[in-house]
C-alpha atoms as a PDB file:
ATOM      1  CA  MET A   1     -67.147  41.139-142.953  1.00  0.00           C
ATOM      2  CA  ASN A   2     -63.756  39.458-143.656  1.00  0.00           C
ATOM      3  CA  GLY A   3     -64.710  35.782-144.735  1.00  0.00           C
ATOM      4  CA  ASP A   4     -63.319  33.658-147.619  1.00  0.00           C
ATOM      5  CA  VAL A   5     -64.907  35.295-150.425  1.00  0.00           C
ATOM      6  CA  LYS A   6     -62.957  38.106-152.431  1.00  0.00           C
ATOM      7  CA  ALA A   7     -64.127  41.199-154.641  1.00  0.00           C
ATOM      8  CA  SER A   8     -62.284  42.811-157.110  1.00  0.00           C
ATOM      9  CA  ASN A   9     -62.392  46.630-158.017  1.00  0.00           C
ATOM     10  CA  LEU A  10     -65.501  46.190-160.228  1.00  0.00           C
ATOM     11  CA  GLN A  11     -67.201  44.581-158.043  1.00  0.00           C
ATOM     12  CA  THR A  12     -66.784  47.372-155.409  1.00  0.00           C
ATOM     13  CA  GLY A  13     -65.604  50.019-157.947  1.00  0.00           C
ATOM     14  CA  VAL A  14     -63.355  50.521-154.843  1.00  0.00           C
ATOM     15  CA  TYR A  15     -59.211  50.260-155.835  1.00  0.00           C
ATOM     16  CA  SER A  16     -58.964  46.893-155.394  1.00  0.00           C
ATOM     17  CA  GLY A  17     -54.549  46.753-155.677  1.00  0.00           C
ATOM     18  CA  PRO A  18     -53.388  43.804-157.793  1.00  0.00           C
ATOM     19  CA  VAL A  19     -54.503  41.034-158.105  1.00  0.00           C
ATOM     20  CA  GLY A  20     -52.808  38.589-155.437  1.00  0.00           C
ATOM     21  CA  SER A  21     -51.734  41.791-153.133  1.00  0.00           C
ATOM     22  CA  PRO A  22     -51.869  41.425-149.563  1.00  0.00           C
ATOM     23  CA  TYR A  23     -53.207  44.640-149.133  1.00  0.00           C
ATOM     24  CA  GLY A  24     -56.528  46.347-150.845  1.00  0.00           C
ATOM     25  CA  GLN A  25     -58.207  43.253-151.892  1.00  0.00           C
ATOM     26  CA  HIS A  26     -61.799  43.231-150.550  1.00  0.00           C
ATOM     27  CA  ARG A  27     -62.976  39.485-148.500  1.00  0.00           C
ATOM     28  CA  PHE A  28     -66.620  39.490-147.462  1.00  0.00           C
ATOM     29  CA  SER A  29     -67.908  37.041-145.940  1.00  0.00           C
ATOM     30  CA  ARG A  30     -70.897  34.773-147.806  1.00  0.00           C
ATOM     31  CA  ASP A  31     -73.233  35.682-145.134  1.00  0.00           C
ATOM     32  CA  CYS A  32     -72.702  39.448-146.183  1.00  0.00           C
ATOM     33  CA  LEU A  33     -72.822  39.179-149.870  1.00  0.00           C
ATOM     34  CA  VAL A  34     -75.653  40.820-151.830  1.00  0.00           C
ATOM     35  CA  ARG A  35     -77.100  38.279-153.801  1.00  0.00           C
ATOM     36  CA  GLU A  36     -78.891  38.675-157.767  1.00  0.00           C
ATOM     37  CA  GLU A  37     -82.613  37.942-157.959  1.00  0.00           C
ATOM     38  CA  ASN A  38     -82.834  34.756-160.307  1.00  0.00           C
ATOM     39  CA  ILE A  39     -83.923  36.130-163.178  1.00  0.00           C
ATOM     40  CA  GLU A  40     -80.758  38.523-163.424  1.00  0.00           C
ATOM     41  CA  ALA A  41     -78.881  35.736-163.242  1.00  0.00           C
ATOM     42  CA  LEU A  42     -79.951  33.908-165.286  1.00  0.00           C
ATOM     43  CA  ASN A  43     -79.161  37.799-167.668  1.00  0.00           C
ATOM     44  CA  THR A  44     -75.749  37.168-166.727  1.00  0.00           C
ATOM     45  CA  SER A  45     -74.883  34.050-167.811  1.00  0.00           C
ATOM     46  CA  ILE A  46     -76.229  34.830-171.312  1.00  0.00           C
ATOM     47  CA  TYR A  47     -75.576  39.225-171.438  1.00  0.00           C
ATOM     48  CA  ASN A  48     -73.019  40.198-174.628  1.00  0.00           C
ATOM     49  CA  ARG A  49     -72.160  43.319-174.319  1.00  0.00           C
ATOM     50  CA  SER A  50     -70.872  43.640-177.948  1.00  0.00           C
ATOM     51  CA  HIS A  51     -74.439  42.784-178.815  1.00  0.00           C
ATOM     52  CA  SER A  52     -77.804  44.090-178.056  1.00  0.00           C
ATOM     53  CA  ASP A  53     -80.633  41.997-176.696  1.00  0.00           C
ATOM     54  CA  LYS A  54     -81.856  40.652-179.412  1.00  0.00           C
ATOM     55  CA  GLU A  55     -79.061  39.518-180.880  1.00  0.00           C
ATOM     56  CA  ASN A  56     -78.847  37.837-177.200  1.00  0.00           C
ATOM     57  CA  GLY A  57     -81.955  37.089-176.095  1.00  0.00           C
ATOM     58  CA  ALA A  58     -83.103  37.951-172.453  1.00  0.00           C
ATOM     59  CA  PHE A  59     -85.315  37.437-169.791  1.00  0.00           C
ATOM     60  CA  TYR A  60     -87.779  39.683-167.482  1.00  0.00           C
ATOM     61  CA  TYR A  61     -89.372  39.081-164.774  1.00  0.00           C
ATOM     62  CA  PHE A  62     -91.888  42.197-163.727  1.00  0.00           C
ATOM     63  CA  LEU A  63     -92.294  42.913-160.768  1.00  0.00           C
ATOM     64  CA  PRO A  64     -95.654  43.660-159.160  1.00  0.00           C
ATOM     65  CA  THR A  65     -96.117  47.833-158.567  1.00  0.00           C
ATOM     66  CA  ASN A  66     -98.000  50.647-159.471  1.00  0.00           C
ATOM     67  CA  VAL A  67     -97.381  50.379-163.291  1.00  0.00           C
ATOM     68  CA  VAL A  68    -100.693  49.403-164.990  1.00  0.00           C
ATOM     69  CA  LEU A  69     -99.253  46.390-168.242  1.00  0.00           C
ATOM     70  CA  GLN A  70    -101.947  45.520-170.970  1.00  0.00           C
ATOM     71  CA  ARG A  71    -101.482  41.426-168.373  1.00  0.00           C
ATOM     72  CA  ASN A  72    -101.111  41.258-165.006  1.00  0.00           C
ATOM     73  CA  ALA A  73     -97.598  40.066-164.357  1.00  0.00           C
ATOM     74  CA  SER A  74     -98.188  38.040-160.935  1.00  0.00           C
ATOM     75  CA  PHE A  75    -101.623  37.530-159.670  1.00  0.00           C
ATOM     76  CA  THR A  76    -103.713  34.497-157.363  1.00  0.00           C
ATOM     77  CA  GLN A  77    -106.314  31.912-158.928  1.00  0.00           C
ATOM     78  CA  VAL A  78    -108.445  29.380-157.577  1.00  0.00           C
ATOM     79  CA  ILE A  79    -108.384  26.396-159.346  1.00  0.00           C
ATOM     80  CA  ALA A  80    -110.987  23.390-157.980  1.00  0.00           C
ATOM     81  CA  ASP A  81    -110.198  24.732-154.573  1.00  0.00           C
ATOM     82  CA  THR A  82    -107.151  24.670-154.342  1.00  0.00           C
ATOM     83  CA  TRP A  83    -104.891  28.826-154.421  1.00  0.00           C
ATOM     84  CA  TYR A  84    -102.055  29.529-157.604  1.00  0.00           C
ATOM     85  CA  LEU A  85     -99.850  31.625-157.692  1.00  0.00           C
ATOM     86  CA  CYS A  86     -99.053  32.751-161.201  1.00  0.00           C
ATOM     87  CA  LEU A  87     -95.862  34.736-162.630  1.00  0.00           C
ATOM     88  CA  MET A  88     -95.383  36.088-165.710  1.00  0.00           C
ATOM     89  CA  ILE A  89     -92.003  35.063-167.204  1.00  0.00           C
ATOM     90  CA  THR A  90     -90.930  36.888-170.445  1.00  0.00           C
ATOM     91  CA  VAL A  91     -88.414  35.816-172.603  1.00  0.00           C
ATOM     92  CA  GLN A  92     -87.164  37.703-175.696  1.00  0.00           C
ATOM     93  CA  LEU A  93     -85.557  34.360-178.182  1.00  0.00           C
ATOM     94  CA  PRO A  94     -81.870  35.172-179.899  1.00  0.00           C
ATOM     95  CA  PHE A  95     -82.514  36.325-183.472  1.00  0.00           C
ATOM     96  CA  LYS A  96     -82.100  33.524-185.764  1.00  0.00           C
ATOM     97  CA  ASN A  97     -80.022  31.877-183.061  1.00  0.00           C
ATOM     98  CA  ASN A  98     -82.383  29.013-182.607  1.00  0.00           C
ATOM     99  CA  ASP A  99     -79.625  26.592-181.021  1.00  0.00           C
ATOM    100  CA  LYS A 100     -79.280  28.896-177.816  1.00  0.00           C
ATOM    101  CA  ALA A 101     -83.296  29.641-177.677  1.00  0.00           C
ATOM    102  CA  MET A 102     -84.024  26.292-176.703  1.00  0.00           C
ATOM    103  CA  ARG A 103     -80.973  26.493-174.382  1.00  0.00           C
ATOM    104  CA  MET A 104     -82.460  28.619-173.210  1.00  0.00           C
ATOM    105  CA  LEU A 105     -86.298  27.475-172.620  1.00  0.00           C
ATOM    106  CA  CYS A 106     -85.425  23.395-171.943  1.00  0.00           C
ATOM    107  CA  LYS A 107     -82.297  23.553-170.109  1.00  0.00           C
ATOM    108  CA  MET A 108     -81.885  27.088-168.681  1.00  0.00           C
ATOM    109  CA  LEU A 109     -85.680  28.645-167.862  1.00  0.00           C
ATOM    110  CA  PRO A 110     -86.656  25.535-165.662  1.00  0.00           C
ATOM    111  CA  LYS A 111     -84.234  25.123-164.022  1.00  0.00           C
ATOM    112  CA  GLU A 112     -84.181  28.642-162.513  1.00  0.00           C
ATOM    113  CA  VAL A 113     -87.841  27.571-161.699  1.00  0.00           C
ATOM    114  CA  GLU A 114     -87.176  25.291-159.578  1.00  0.00           C
ATOM    115  CA  GLU A 115     -84.996  26.961-158.093  1.00  0.00           C
ATOM    116  CA  LEU A 116     -87.359  30.639-157.479  1.00  0.00           C
ATOM    117  CA  ILE A 117     -89.698  27.239-156.070  1.00  0.00           C
ATOM    118  CA  ALA A 118     -87.281  25.734-153.215  1.00  0.00           C
ATOM    119  CA  GLU A 119     -86.198  29.077-152.346  1.00  0.00           C
ATOM    120  CA  TRP A 120     -89.310  30.722-152.247  1.00  0.00           C
ATOM    121  CA  ASP A 121     -90.617  31.449-148.685  1.00  0.00           C
ATOM    122  CA  HIS A 122     -94.004  29.037-148.012  1.00  0.00           C
ATOM    123  CA  SER A 123     -95.180  31.645-144.706  1.00  0.00           C
ATOM    124  CA  ARG A 124     -95.236  34.788-146.237  1.00  0.00           C
ATOM    125  CA  LEU A 125     -97.166  33.298-149.402  1.00  0.00           C
ATOM    126  CA  HIS A 126     -99.828  31.352-147.247  1.00  0.00           C
ATOM    127  CA  ALA A 127    -100.117  35.238-145.893  1.00  0.00           C
ATOM    128  CA  ALA A 128    -100.293  37.241-149.437  1.00  0.00           C
ATOM    129  CA  PHE A 129    -103.036  34.191-149.649  1.00  0.00           C
ATOM    130  CA  GLU A 130    -105.328  34.514-146.444  1.00  0.00           C
ATOM    131  CA  LEU A 131    -105.047  38.877-147.942  1.00  0.00           C
ATOM    132  CA  VAL A 132    -106.142  38.116-150.736  1.00  0.00           C
ATOM    133  CA  HIS A 133    -109.092  35.842-148.598  1.00  0.00           C
ATOM    134  CA  LYS A 134    -110.636  39.241-147.006  1.00  0.00           C
ATOM    135  CA  GLN A 135    -109.982  41.018-149.707  1.00  0.00           C
ATOM    136  CA  ASN A 136    -112.427  39.551-151.854  1.00  0.00           C
ATOM    137  CA  LYS A 137    -114.463  38.670-148.876  1.00  0.00           C
ATOM    138  CA  ILE A 138    -114.404  42.560-149.354  1.00  0.00           C
ATOM    139  CA  ARG A 139    -114.840  42.583-152.407  1.00  0.00           C
ATOM    140  CA  GLU A 140    -118.034  40.236-151.001  1.00  0.00           C
ATOM    141  CA  TRP A 141    -119.737  42.956-148.843  1.00  0.00           C
ATOM    142  CA  LEU A 142    -119.381  45.878-150.650  1.00  0.00           C
ATOM    143  CA  ASN A 143    -121.276  44.705-153.189  1.00  0.00           C
ATOM    144  CA  SER A 144    -124.818  43.136-150.872  1.00  0.00           C
ATOM    145  CA  SER A 145    -124.016  47.146-148.677  1.00  0.00           C
ATOM    146  CA  ASP A 146    -126.179  49.640-149.744  1.00  0.00           C
ATOM    147  CA  VAL A 147    -122.572  51.555-149.611  1.00  0.00           C
ATOM    148  CA  ILE A 148    -121.193  52.963-153.565  1.00  0.00           C
ATOM    149  CA  PHE A 149    -118.414  53.700-154.549  1.00  0.00           C
ATOM    150  CA  TRP A 150    -118.572  57.525-156.956  1.00  0.00           C
ATOM    151  CA  PRO A 151    -115.431  58.756-158.095  1.00  0.00           C
ATOM    152  CA  HIS A 152    -114.143  62.058-157.305  1.00  0.00           C
ATOM    153  CA  GLU A 153    -115.317  65.116-157.635  1.00  0.00           C
ATOM    154  CA  ARG A 154    -112.244  66.541-159.345  1.00  0.00           C
ATOM    155  CA  PRO A 155    -109.776  65.435-161.305  1.00  0.00           C
ATOM    156  CA  CYS A 156    -106.061  64.179-159.836  1.00  0.00           C
ATOM    157  CA  ARG A 157    -103.875  61.845-160.842  1.00  0.00           C
ATOM    158  CA  GLN A 158    -104.235  59.392-158.450  1.00  0.00           C
ATOM    159  CA  SER A 159    -108.272  57.274-158.673  1.00  0.00           C
ATOM    160  CA  ARG A 160    -109.626  58.789-155.643  1.00  0.00           C
ATOM    161  CA  LEU A 161    -113.100  56.494-154.326  1.00  0.00           C
ATOM    162  CA  GLN A 162    -115.898  58.510-151.508  1.00  0.00           C
ATOM    163  CA  LEU A 163    -118.356  56.651-149.587  1.00  0.00           C
ATOM    164  CA  PHE A 164    -121.870  57.050-150.318  1.00  0.00           C
ATOM    165  CA  PRO A 165    -124.705  55.799-148.621  1.00  0.00           C
ATOM    166  CA  ARG A 166    -127.063  54.126-151.403  1.00  0.00           C
ATOM    167  CA  VAL A 167    -129.615  56.578-152.571  1.00  0.00           C
ATOM    168  CA  ALA A 168    -133.313  55.229-153.750  1.00  0.00           C
ATOM    169  CA  ARG A 169    -134.422  56.531-157.160  1.00  0.00           C
END
């Protein structure tokens, strides 16, 4: 963990001694550093503790979770036989600060999106596309087969589905 990167007590939460002292200065290798996510890096560059997000502006990226949002946070789509990954990034523009709003939309956001694309793990993305393709095949098979889904008999927090053979009526 020894390296050339120094971290202060504000970053580590541990007493680090006065600046320049031989003891207490935490040194880390660049390989051990935890790097911030791209959107968090954008927010730290415009963060001002004395103002709210309404006055500062902020970037939001909703990671895909089990929370149901009004709109999809990320999804895949096929357009003209080409797969596309769509990510939703929400930008809260600062109130009555048009210069900062233009800088956020025209300089900061495009630069960060280009860096995100450059760092993207293409092998995992292709694996996700293959999974979507398999899921679509399963859905097609279920639609064309004699199997139907019925909701679970008793109410529960998570919707559970049971498989039943299709009954001719």
